[in-house]
Amino acid sequence: MTDLNWQEIFHDITNQHDFTSMKQTINECYKTGEVYPPEEEIYTAFELTPFDSIKAVILGQDPYHGKGQSHGLAFSVNEGVKIPPSLRNMYKELESDLGLVRTQGNLSDWAKEGVLLLNTVLTVDAGDANSHRGLGWEKFTDDIIRAISDNLEHVVFILWGKPAQTKIKLIDTDKHHIITSVHPSPLSAYRGFFGSKPFSQTNEYLEDKGRGAIDWSEHNE
């Protein structure tokens, strides 16, 4: 599909002045306070899902802000950590949709299947949700979404909730597929997330386009 890799995509984005300025701010936050995920795990999503292997993008907002939870993948938590409410609802829908049961919250296996688990903001202060909103991550992740849309074909973008759905304008809907519903949060899941069948919908589209289905089952090594 493309010869591009993350290194080349990042080169174009991170050479911009506003990224350099933001990164200095983020580096200072790590030096002076407790920030999640651990600094070496900020870019886990890109490390586990090569650019040319992306089949689907699940868009989150910002990382979990509890100790030991976040490891650089949207919605995912480290193994052994209690499954958060939104992820628990995602698992309920997965079981209803495809009959698959997952017992732990680490989604690294999805990432390796080609699911880019991308938060729009990649860092957060401990115990303070959305604390890094507006520092500049949003432009970085918008550029990532644009790069995926422009350079790849037949990617499924799974956008849950209104903040995620504001990103539709960045996506070429002629060559990609968008799945939307309310957010899986307990506050909204019963208003249209349950029964939306995002996992089977994704696989139907991918198989139709000859890209092969995603194995959503639990198979972390």
Protein backbone atom coordinates (compact mmCIF):
# COMPACT_ATOMS: atom_id res chain seq x y z
CA MET A 1 0.00 0.00 0.00
CA THR A 2 2.79 2.44 0.88
CA ASP A 3 6.52 2.45 1.47
CA LEU A 4 6.19 5.11 4.16
CA ASN A 5 7.01 4.33 7.78
CA TRP A 6 6.48 6.18 11.06
CA GLN A 7 10.01 7.56 11.01
CA GLU A 8 9.29 9.41 7.77
CA ILE A 9 5.84 10.55 8.94
CA PHE A 10 7.28 11.77 12.25
CA HIS A 11 10.13 13.57 10.49
CA ASP A 12 7.70 15.87 8.69
CA ILE A 13 5.56 16.52 11.77
CA THR A 14 8.18 16.85 14.51
CA ASN A 15 10.39 19.27 12.61
CA GLN A 16 7.71 21.92 12.96
CA HIS A 17 8.37 24.68 15.50
CA ASP A 18 5.16 24.13 17.47
CA PHE A 19 6.01 20.46 18.09
CA THR A 20 9.50 21.35 19.34
CA SER A 21 8.00 23.94 21.69
CA MET A 22 5.37 21.50 23.00
CA LYS A 23 7.94 18.76 23.55
CA GLN A 24 10.02 21.12 25.70
CA THR A 25 6.93 21.80 27.84
CA ILE A 26 6.17 18.07 28.15
CA ASN A 27 9.80 17.27 29.04
CA GLU A 28 9.62 19.84 31.83
CA CYS A 29 6.40 18.26 33.13
CA TYR A 30 8.15 14.88 33.40
CA LYS A 31 11.09 16.45 35.24
CA THR A 32 9.01 18.36 37.78
CA GLY A 33 5.94 16.19 38.39
CA GLU A 34 4.34 12.78 37.98
CA VAL A 35 3.13 12.29 34.41
CA TYR A 36 1.59 9.26 32.66
CA PRO A 37 2.34 7.14 30.76
CA PRO A 38 6.01 6.60 31.66
CA GLU A 39 8.07 8.76 29.31
CA GLU A 40 9.47 5.79 27.40
CA GLU A 41 5.91 4.59 26.64
CA ILE A 42 4.45 7.80 25.16
CA TYR A 43 4.74 6.40 21.63
CA THR A 44 3.84 2.74 22.30
CA ALA A 45 0.94 2.86 19.81
CA PHE A 46 3.33 3.67 16.97
CA GLU A 47 5.90 1.10 18.06
CA LEU A 48 3.39 -1.76 18.12
CA THR A 49 1.48 -0.81 14.95
CA PRO A 50 3.71 -0.10 11.93
CA PHE A 51 2.34 2.61 9.64
CA ASP A 52 1.88 0.33 6.64
CA SER A 53 0.05 -2.31 8.71
CA ILE A 54 -2.74 -0.05 10.02
CA LYS A 55 -6.16 -1.59 9.41
CA ALA A 56 -8.18 0.36 11.97
CA VAL A 57 -7.80 3.41 14.20
CA ILE A 58 -9.61 3.59 17.54
CA LEU A 59 -9.46 7.14 18.81
CA GLY A 60 -9.35 7.92 22.52
CA GLN A 61 -8.97 11.24 24.35
CA ASP A 62 -6.19 11.33 26.93
CA PRO A 63 -4.35 8.64 28.90
CA TYR A 64 -5.65 7.14 32.14
CA HIS A 65 -4.38 9.26 35.02
CA GLY A 66 -4.17 6.55 37.71
CA LYS A 67 -0.86 5.04 38.79
CA GLY A 68 0.23 2.05 36.72
CA GLN A 69 -2.69 2.21 34.28
CA SER A 70 -1.51 3.92 31.12
CA HIS A 71 1.14 2.45 28.82
CA GLY A 72 0.69 4.43 25.62
CA LEU A 73 -2.30 2.70 24.01
CA ALA A 74 -5.76 4.31 24.02
CA PHE A 75 -8.27 2.48 26.27
CA SER A 76 -5.63 -0.12 27.24
CA VAL A 77 -4.16 -0.75 30.70
CA ASN A 78 -1.14 -2.71 31.86
CA GLU A 79 -1.66 -6.39 32.57
CA GLY A 80 -2.92 -7.05 36.09
CA VAL A 81 -4.58 -3.62 36.35
CA LYS A 82 -8.34 -3.52 36.96
CA ILE A 83 -10.23 -3.09 33.68
CA PRO A 84 -11.61 0.49 33.52
CA PRO A 85 -15.37 1.03 32.96
CA SER A 86 -15.23 2.13 29.29
CA LEU A 87 -13.00 -0.80 28.36
CA ARG A 88 -15.26 -3.15 30.29
CA ASN A 89 -18.17 -1.93 28.13
CA MET A 90 -16.07 -2.41 24.99
CA TYR A 91 -15.53 -6.01 26.08
CA LYS A 92 -19.27 -6.49 26.72
CA GLU A 93 -19.98 -5.29 23.18
CA LEU A 94 -17.20 -7.50 21.78
CA GLU A 95 -18.73 -10.55 23.45
CA SER A 96 -22.21 -9.63 22.20
CA ASP A 97 -20.90 -8.85 18.70
CA LEU A 98 -18.40 -11.67 18.06
CA GLY A 99 -18.76 -14.00 21.05
CA LEU A 100 -15.22 -13.23 22.25
CA VAL A 101 -14.39 -12.97 25.96
CA ARG A 102 -11.40 -10.93 27.13
CA THR A 103 -10.24 -11.16 30.73
CA GLN A 104 -7.50 -8.54 31.04
CA GLY A 105 -7.12 -4.96 29.87
CA ASN A 106 -3.88 -4.95 27.87
CA LEU A 107 -4.72 -4.32 24.21
CA SER A 108 -1.21 -4.86 22.84
CA ASP A 109 -2.53 -7.82 20.83
CA TRP A 110 -4.99 -5.53 19.03
CA ALA A 111 -2.15 -3.08 18.30
CA LYS A 112 -0.12 -5.90 16.75
CA GLU A 113 -3.14 -6.85 14.63
CA GLY A 114 -3.05 -3.42 12.97
CA VAL A 115 -5.33 -1.46 15.31
CA LEU A 116 -3.78 1.94 16.05
CA LEU A 117 -4.98 2.80 19.57
CA LEU A 118 -4.46 6.55 19.38
CA ASN A 119 -5.27 9.09 22.07
CA THR A 120 -5.64 12.66 20.80
CA VAL A 121 -3.51 13.80 23.78
CA LEU A 122 -0.60 11.49 24.65
CA THR A 123 0.29 12.56 28.21
CA VAL A 124 -1.48 13.55 31.44
CA ASP A 125 -0.56 14.67 34.96
CA ALA A 126 -1.16 12.06 37.66
CA GLY A 127 -4.69 12.28 39.02
CA ASP A 128 -5.69 15.18 36.76
CA ALA A 129 -7.72 14.22 33.68
CA ASN A 130 -7.27 16.38 30.58
CA SER A 131 -4.45 18.33 32.25
CA HIS A 132 -2.32 18.28 29.07
CA ARG A 133 -5.14 19.30 26.77
CA GLY A 134 -4.18 22.36 24.75
CA LEU A 135 -0.42 21.89 25.11
CA GLY A 136 -0.07 20.89 21.46
CA TRP A 137 -0.66 17.16 21.25
CA GLU A 138 -3.92 17.73 19.38
CA LYS A 139 -2.14 19.22 16.37
CA PHE A 140 0.36 16.35 16.39
CA THR A 141 -2.35 13.67 16.43
CA ASP A 142 -4.44 15.57 13.84
CA ASP A 143 -1.38 15.45 11.58
CA ILE A 144 -1.09 11.70 12.25
CA ILE A 145 -4.75 11.15 11.28
CA ARG A 146 -4.25 13.21 8.11
CA ALA A 147 -1.12 11.23 7.22
CA ILE A 148 -3.02 7.95 7.60
CA SER A 149 -5.91 9.25 5.51
CA ASP A 150 -3.67 10.66 2.77
CA ASN A 151 -1.17 7.81 2.45
CA LEU A 152 -3.15 4.64 3.16
CA GLU A 153 -6.33 3.09 1.76
CA HIS A 154 -9.23 1.19 3.30
CA VAL A 155 -8.61 1.99 6.96
CA VAL A 156 -11.52 1.85 9.42
CA PHE A 157 -11.72 4.85 11.76
CA ILE A 158 -13.70 4.00 14.92
CA LEU A 159 -14.85 7.26 16.48
CA TRP A 160 -16.78 6.98 19.74
CA GLY A 161 -18.28 10.13 21.22
CA LYS A 162 -18.45 13.72 19.99
CA PRO A 163 -14.79 14.71 20.60
CA ALA A 164 -13.59 11.81 18.43
CA GLN A 165 -16.18 12.58 15.77
CA THR A 166 -14.81 16.11 15.29
CA LYS A 167 -11.91 14.38 13.50
CA ILE A 168 -14.09 13.19 10.61
CA LYS A 169 -13.13 16.35 8.72
CA LEU A 170 -9.51 15.10 8.60
CA ILE A 171 -10.44 11.81 6.89
CA ASP A 172 -11.03 11.11 3.20
CA THR A 173 -14.31 9.20 3.41
CA ASP A 174 -14.07 8.15 -0.25
CA LYS A 175 -11.24 5.73 0.52
CA HIS A 176 -11.73 4.98 4.23
CA HIS A 177 -14.62 3.74 6.38
CA ILE A 178 -15.88 5.53 9.48
CA ILE A 179 -17.79 3.87 12.33
CA THR A 180 -19.41 6.15 14.90
CA SER A 181 -21.50 5.76 18.02
CA VAL A 182 -21.74 7.26 21.48
CA HIS A 183 -18.77 6.65 23.77
CA PRO A 184 -18.51 3.32 25.64
CA SER A 185 -18.40 5.22 28.94
CA PRO A 186 -21.03 4.07 31.48
CA LEU A 187 -22.54 7.55 31.12
CA SER A 188 -23.48 6.96 27.48
CA ALA A 189 -23.02 3.30 26.49
CA TYR A 190 -26.73 2.47 26.81
CA ARG A 191 -27.62 5.27 24.39
CA GLY A 192 -26.31 3.48 21.32
CA PHE A 193 -22.90 1.95 21.95
CA PHE A 194 -24.30 -1.41 23.01
CA GLY A 195 -25.58 -3.15 19.89
CA SER A 196 -23.53 -1.02 17.49
CA LYS A 197 -21.34 -4.01 16.46
CA PRO A 198 -18.16 -2.04 15.68
CA PHE A 199 -15.91 -5.09 15.69
CA SER A 200 -17.83 -7.17 13.15
CA GLN A 201 -18.51 -4.05 11.05
CA THR A 202 -14.78 -3.37 10.90
CA ASN A 203 -14.00 -6.92 9.80
CA GLU A 204 -16.74 -6.95 7.18
CA TYR A 205 -15.31 -3.81 5.58
CA LEU A 206 -11.70 -5.05 5.73
CA GLU A 207 -12.59 -8.43 4.25
CA ASP A 208 -14.63 -6.77 1.51
CA LYS A 209 -11.57 -4.68 0.60
CA GLY A 210 -9.26 -7.70 0.65
CA ARG A 211 -7.34 -6.56 3.72
CA GLY A 212 -8.15 -9.47 6.03
CA ALA A 213 -10.07 -9.48 9.31
CA ILE A 214 -8.66 -8.36 12.66
CA ASP A 215 -8.39 -11.04 15.35
CA TRP A 216 -10.05 -9.27 18.28
CA SER A 217 -9.57 -12.27 20.62
CA GLU A 218 -7.21 -12.22 23.58
CA HIS A 219 -3.82 -13.49 22.42
CA ASN A 220 -1.10 -11.48 24.15
CA GLU A 221 2.12 -13.48 24.42
